[in-house]
Amino acid sequence: MDLKNFYDHLDEFAYKHWFEGIETPWQPLDVLAQSLRDVVDGLSDIREVQSLDGLTLAENHSLPRLNEPACYVERWVEIEGPVLLKPLDIFLDKGTVLEPSAIIKGPALIGKGCEIRQGAYLRGNVVIGDHCIIGHNTEIKNSILMNHTEAGHFNYIGDCIIGSFVNLGAGSRLANLEFRSPENKRDMLFPRILMEVEGKEVDTGRSKFGAVLGDYVEVGCNAVLSPAVLLGKESWVYPNLTVPKGYYPPQTRLAPQDRKIKPRKQ
């Protein structure tokens, strides 16, 4: 699938080079952890700090299974200049505001002028572009969000790539794990996700895979995207819908069968 079916603003994204030469739209997720590491290691000209006023750092947790470095935002914090919170490998750019009770696990890259609002939970391997909103009770893990994208209220985003100028309505979820059999659960197995693209079955190579959303996608309130949904740019998902996995070309309109879709006035 041509990336032009997904992005008009890829050249404006700080990490556009991650998308060069890829064979599938989700391929950057396969190497996201290493890509983040490479960026952090290359931030030699960015001010490094061991702590920030208003943040509590927890480099180690008491439970081994939760041994993930994290910071807890105690009060309102506005980032005055680019800074790398080195113990956790969290990069914060100028003008970003962190609200009390947000939790950020490293590594994470957060761009300029973002709002990380009260109760947001960034679970590591998260990339947020410029001028994004991550809102109340929104949880994100192992995902890339490009510029001017909003996930403002009660959203889940797992193993996803989201383009620019995307809006996720309140309560919308981007699921990343398919149902498993009792045997798989007992044996802690996570089968790879298969999907159909243009009439052919494709092995995504991933056991956890959410969605790829192109620029200007609108997802209505309380909509659920099943694992392995590819939504082309300028597509709409009406509220309360469940979207089956698969590829949807640009300007797709997903609405209840009894809902007449009216063209949007320019």
Protein backbone atom coordinates (compact mmCIF):
# COMPACT_ATOMS: atom_id res chain seq x y z
CA MET A 1 0.00 0.00 0.00
CA ASP A 2 1.29 3.40 -1.00
CA LEU A 3 1.96 5.68 1.97
CA LYS A 4 0.23 8.43 -0.02
CA ASN A 5 -3.00 6.65 0.87
CA PHE A 6 -2.29 7.50 4.51
CA TYR A 7 -0.24 10.66 4.82
CA ASP A 8 -0.17 14.15 3.32
CA HIS A 9 1.99 15.57 6.13
CA LEU A 10 4.64 12.90 6.64
CA ASP A 11 7.42 15.29 5.59
CA GLU A 12 6.51 17.52 8.54
CA PHE A 13 6.96 14.73 11.09
CA ALA A 14 10.28 14.82 12.97
CA TYR A 15 10.93 11.11 12.48
CA LYS A 16 9.80 10.74 8.87
CA HIS A 17 12.94 8.74 8.09
CA TRP A 18 11.45 5.80 9.99
CA PHE A 19 9.02 5.40 7.08
CA GLU A 20 11.58 5.32 4.28
CA GLY A 21 11.76 2.08 2.33
CA ILE A 22 9.16 0.25 4.41
CA GLU A 23 7.13 -2.57 2.88
CA THR A 24 4.06 -2.41 5.12
CA PRO A 25 2.42 0.61 6.83
CA TRP A 26 2.96 -0.94 10.27
CA GLN A 27 6.64 -1.85 9.79
CA PRO A 28 7.98 1.07 11.92
CA LEU A 29 6.36 -0.57 14.94
CA ASP A 30 8.58 -3.63 14.54
CA VAL A 31 11.71 -1.59 15.28
CA LEU A 32 10.20 1.20 17.37
CA ALA A 33 12.14 0.37 20.53
CA GLN A 34 15.48 0.52 18.68
CA SER A 35 14.43 3.62 16.73
CA LEU A 36 13.68 5.38 20.01
CA ARG A 37 17.01 4.31 21.42
CA ASP A 38 18.83 5.69 18.38
CA VAL A 39 17.09 9.05 18.73
CA VAL A 40 17.83 9.31 22.45
CA ASP A 41 21.48 8.38 21.91
CA GLY A 42 21.74 11.08 19.24
CA LEU A 43 20.43 13.94 21.40
CA SER A 44 23.93 15.18 22.23
CA ASP A 45 22.97 18.86 21.85
CA ILE A 46 19.92 18.64 24.16
CA ARG A 47 20.14 19.61 27.82
CA GLU A 48 20.16 16.50 30.00
CA VAL A 49 18.73 16.58 33.51
CA GLN A 50 18.46 14.00 36.25
CA SER A 51 15.19 15.42 37.57
CA LEU A 52 12.57 18.09 36.90
CA ASP A 53 10.76 20.18 39.48
CA GLY A 54 7.20 18.91 39.72
CA LEU A 55 7.98 15.34 38.64
CA THR A 56 8.62 12.34 40.85
CA LEU A 57 10.92 9.74 39.29
CA ALA A 58 10.66 6.03 39.97
CA GLU A 59 13.56 4.26 38.29
CA ASN A 60 12.66 0.91 39.83
CA HIS A 61 9.48 -0.55 41.24
CA SER A 62 9.19 -2.99 44.12
CA LEU A 63 7.53 -5.65 41.97
CA PRO A 64 9.84 -7.30 39.39
CA ARG A 65 7.13 -7.47 36.74
CA LEU A 66 6.71 -3.68 37.03
CA ASN A 67 10.39 -2.91 36.75
CA GLU A 68 9.81 -0.05 34.32
CA PRO A 69 11.19 3.44 34.92
CA ALA A 70 8.46 6.07 35.17
CA CYS A 71 7.73 9.61 36.24
CA TYR A 72 4.66 10.90 38.03
CA VAL A 73 3.54 14.49 37.47
CA GLU A 74 2.80 16.13 40.82
CA ARG A 75 1.80 19.59 39.62
CA TRP A 76 1.37 21.64 36.47
CA VAL A 77 4.66 21.74 34.55
CA GLU A 78 5.41 23.70 31.37
CA ILE A 79 8.60 22.76 29.54
CA GLU A 80 10.54 25.94 28.81
CA GLY A 81 13.08 24.38 26.46
CA PRO A 82 13.97 20.98 24.99
CA VAL A 83 15.14 18.64 27.72
CA LEU A 84 16.06 14.99 28.11
CA LEU A 85 15.08 13.42 31.41
CA LYS A 86 18.04 11.07 31.24
CA PRO A 87 17.32 8.46 33.92
CA LEU A 88 14.10 7.56 32.11
CA ASP A 89 15.03 8.51 28.51
CA ILE A 90 12.05 10.86 28.23
CA PHE A 91 12.48 13.76 25.80
CA LEU A 92 10.19 16.77 26.29
CA ASP A 93 10.15 19.65 23.82
CA LYS A 94 9.45 23.34 24.32
CA GLY A 95 5.96 24.47 25.28
CA THR A 96 4.62 21.07 26.27
CA VAL A 97 2.45 21.12 29.38
CA LEU A 98 2.18 18.22 31.82
CA GLU A 99 -0.84 18.16 34.11
CA PRO A 100 -0.94 16.62 37.60
CA SER A 101 -1.33 12.81 37.91
CA ALA A 102 -0.07 12.00 34.41
CA ILE A 103 2.34 9.03 34.33
CA ILE A 104 5.04 8.69 31.68
CA LYS A 105 7.23 5.61 31.31
CA GLY A 106 10.39 5.78 29.25
CA PRO A 107 11.50 5.75 26.63
CA ALA A 108 9.26 8.45 25.20
CA LEU A 109 9.60 11.36 22.78
CA ILE A 110 7.10 14.21 23.20
CA GLY A 111 7.16 17.12 20.76
CA LYS A 112 6.51 20.85 20.94
CA GLY A 113 3.39 22.44 22.37
CA CYS A 114 1.67 19.26 23.51
CA GLU A 115 -0.79 18.83 26.35
CA ILE A 116 -0.39 15.71 28.48
CA ARG A 117 -3.49 16.04 30.61
CA GLN A 118 -4.59 14.81 34.01
CA GLY A 119 -4.59 11.02 34.33
CA ALA A 120 -2.87 10.31 31.02
CA TYR A 121 -0.80 7.11 31.01
CA LEU A 122 2.09 6.77 28.55
CA ARG A 123 3.41 3.24 28.98
CA GLY A 124 6.74 3.43 27.18
CA ASN A 125 7.93 3.27 23.56
CA VAL A 126 5.67 6.24 22.83
CA VAL A 127 6.32 8.94 20.25
CA ILE A 128 4.14 12.06 20.29
CA GLY A 129 4.55 14.67 17.56
CA ASP A 130 4.08 18.42 17.86
CA HIS A 131 0.91 20.10 19.15
CA CYS A 132 -0.84 16.92 20.23
CA ILE A 133 -3.34 16.41 23.05
CA ILE A 134 -3.22 13.30 25.21
CA GLY A 135 -6.16 13.62 27.51
CA HIS A 136 -7.77 12.41 30.67
CA ASN A 137 -7.49 8.63 31.22
CA THR A 138 -5.96 8.08 27.80
CA GLU A 139 -3.51 5.17 27.70
CA ILE A 140 -0.85 4.76 25.01
CA LYS A 141 1.83 2.08 24.55
CA ASN A 142 4.28 1.24 21.78
CA SER A 143 2.76 3.76 19.38
CA ILE A 144 3.58 6.69 17.09
CA LEU A 145 1.37 9.77 16.91
CA MET A 146 2.25 12.44 14.38
CA ASN A 147 1.49 16.18 14.59
CA HIS A 148 -1.72 17.94 15.64
CA THR A 149 -3.43 14.72 16.73
CA GLU A 150 -5.89 14.59 19.62
CA ALA A 151 -6.79 11.71 21.92
CA GLY A 152 -8.53 13.83 24.47
CA HIS A 153 -10.74 11.61 26.60
CA PHE A 154 -10.74 7.98 27.73
CA ASN A 155 -8.88 6.55 24.73
CA TYR A 156 -6.78 3.40 24.40
CA ILE A 157 -4.03 3.33 21.78
CA GLY A 158 -1.91 0.18 21.64
CA ASP A 159 0.68 -0.69 18.99
CA CYS A 160 -0.59 1.93 16.56
CA ILE A 161 0.62 4.51 14.06
CA ILE A 162 -1.57 7.60 13.85
CA GLY A 163 -1.11 10.33 11.29
CA SER A 164 -1.50 14.10 11.58
CA PHE A 165 -4.68 16.03 12.33
CA VAL A 166 -6.45 12.91 13.59
CA ASN A 167 -9.18 13.14 16.21
CA LEU A 168 -10.17 10.25 18.45
CA GLY A 169 -13.58 10.90 19.99
CA ALA A 170 -14.21 10.34 23.67
CA GLY A 171 -14.13 6.68 24.65
CA SER A 172 -12.81 5.38 21.33
CA ARG A 173 -10.49 2.38 21.58
CA LEU A 174 -7.86 1.03 19.22
CA ALA A 175 -7.63 -2.61 20.29
CA ASN A 176 -4.36 -4.45 19.74
CA LEU A 177 -4.93 -8.06 20.90
CA GLU A 178 -7.21 -10.68 19.36
CA PHE A 179 -9.14 -13.25 21.35
CA ARG A 180 -7.07 -16.25 22.43
CA SER A 181 -7.97 -19.86 23.07
CA PRO A 182 -7.83 -21.36 26.58
CA GLU A 183 -4.70 -23.27 25.52
CA ASN A 184 -3.00 -20.09 24.39
CA LYS A 185 -3.84 -18.38 27.66
CA ARG A 186 -2.58 -21.27 29.78
CA ASP A 187 0.65 -21.46 27.78
CA MET A 188 1.07 -17.66 27.57
CA LEU A 189 1.02 -17.77 23.78
CA PHE A 190 0.10 -14.83 21.55
CA PRO A 191 -0.56 -15.98 17.96
CA ARG A 192 0.39 -13.63 15.14
CA ILE A 193 -2.41 -11.54 13.70
CA LEU A 194 -3.54 -12.30 10.15
CA MET A 195 -5.55 -9.88 8.03
CA GLU A 196 -6.94 -9.58 4.50
CA VAL A 197 -5.59 -6.81 2.29
CA GLU A 198 -6.94 -6.38 -1.24
CA GLY A 199 -8.19 -9.96 -1.34
CA LYS A 200 -5.01 -11.56 0.00
CA GLU A 201 -4.30 -12.92 3.47
CA VAL A 202 -1.36 -11.15 5.08
CA ASP A 203 0.59 -12.24 8.12
CA THR A 204 1.33 -9.02 10.00
CA GLY A 205 4.17 -10.71 11.87
CA ARG A 206 2.85 -9.17 15.06
CA SER A 207 0.96 -10.72 17.97
CA LYS A 208 -0.13 -7.27 19.10
CA PHE A 209 -1.16 -4.75 16.47
CA GLY A 210 -3.68 -1.96 16.79
CA ALA A 211 -4.32 0.36 13.85
CA VAL A 212 -2.73 2.59 11.25
CA LEU A 213 -4.74 5.79 10.81
CA GLY A 214 -4.01 8.23 8.03
CA ASP A 215 -4.08 12.01 8.22
CA TYR A 216 -7.39 13.71 9.02
CA VAL A 217 -9.12 10.52 10.16
CA GLU A 218 -12.10 11.10 12.45
CA VAL A 219 -13.07 8.38 14.93
CA GLY A 220 -16.39 8.99 16.67
CA CYS A 221 -17.11 8.64 20.36
CA ASN A 222 -17.16 5.10 21.77
CA ALA A 223 -16.09 3.54 18.47
CA VAL A 224 -13.89 0.44 18.67
CA LEU A 225 -11.32 -0.46 16.05
CA SER A 226 -10.49 -4.16 16.03
CA PRO A 227 -6.83 -5.23 15.87
CA ALA A 228 -5.19 -4.70 12.46
CA VAL A 229 -7.34 -1.89 11.04
CA LEU A 230 -5.77 0.27 8.33
CA LEU A 231 -7.75 3.46 7.72
CA GLY A 232 -6.75 5.61 4.76
CA LYS A 233 -6.54 9.36 5.12
CA GLU A 234 -9.68 11.48 5.55
CA SER A 235 -11.76 8.48 6.60
CA TRP A 236 -14.58 8.73 9.16
CA VAL A 237 -15.80 6.23 11.72
CA TYR A 238 -19.19 7.13 13.13
CA PRO A 239 -19.83 6.89 16.90
CA ASN A 240 -20.52 3.54 18.59
CA LEU A 241 -19.32 1.44 15.67
CA THR A 242 -17.01 -1.57 15.78
CA VAL A 243 -14.66 -1.64 12.79
CA PRO A 244 -13.50 -5.11 11.62
CA LYS A 245 -9.85 -5.60 10.77
CA GLY A 246 -8.72 -4.90 7.23
CA TYR A 247 -7.74 -2.08 4.89
CA TYR A 248 -10.09 0.83 4.20
CA PRO A 249 -9.05 3.21 1.40
CA PRO A 250 -8.92 7.00 1.74
CA GLN A 251 -12.18 8.87 2.41
CA THR A 252 -13.99 5.75 3.59
CA ARG A 253 -17.19 6.51 5.53
CA LEU A 254 -18.07 3.86 8.10
CA ALA A 255 -21.57 4.45 9.41
CA PRO A 256 -24.60 2.42 10.57
CA GLN A 257 -26.53 0.97 7.64
CA ASP A 258 -29.57 3.08 8.43
CA ARG A 259 -27.56 6.30 8.58
CA LYS A 260 -27.49 8.37 5.43
CA ILE A 261 -24.11 10.00 4.98
CA LYS A 262 -24.23 13.61 3.90
CA PRO A 263 -21.29 15.11 2.03
CA ARG A 264 -19.29 17.54 4.13
CA LYS A 265 -19.38 21.14 2.95
CA GLN A 266 -15.96 22.60 2.27
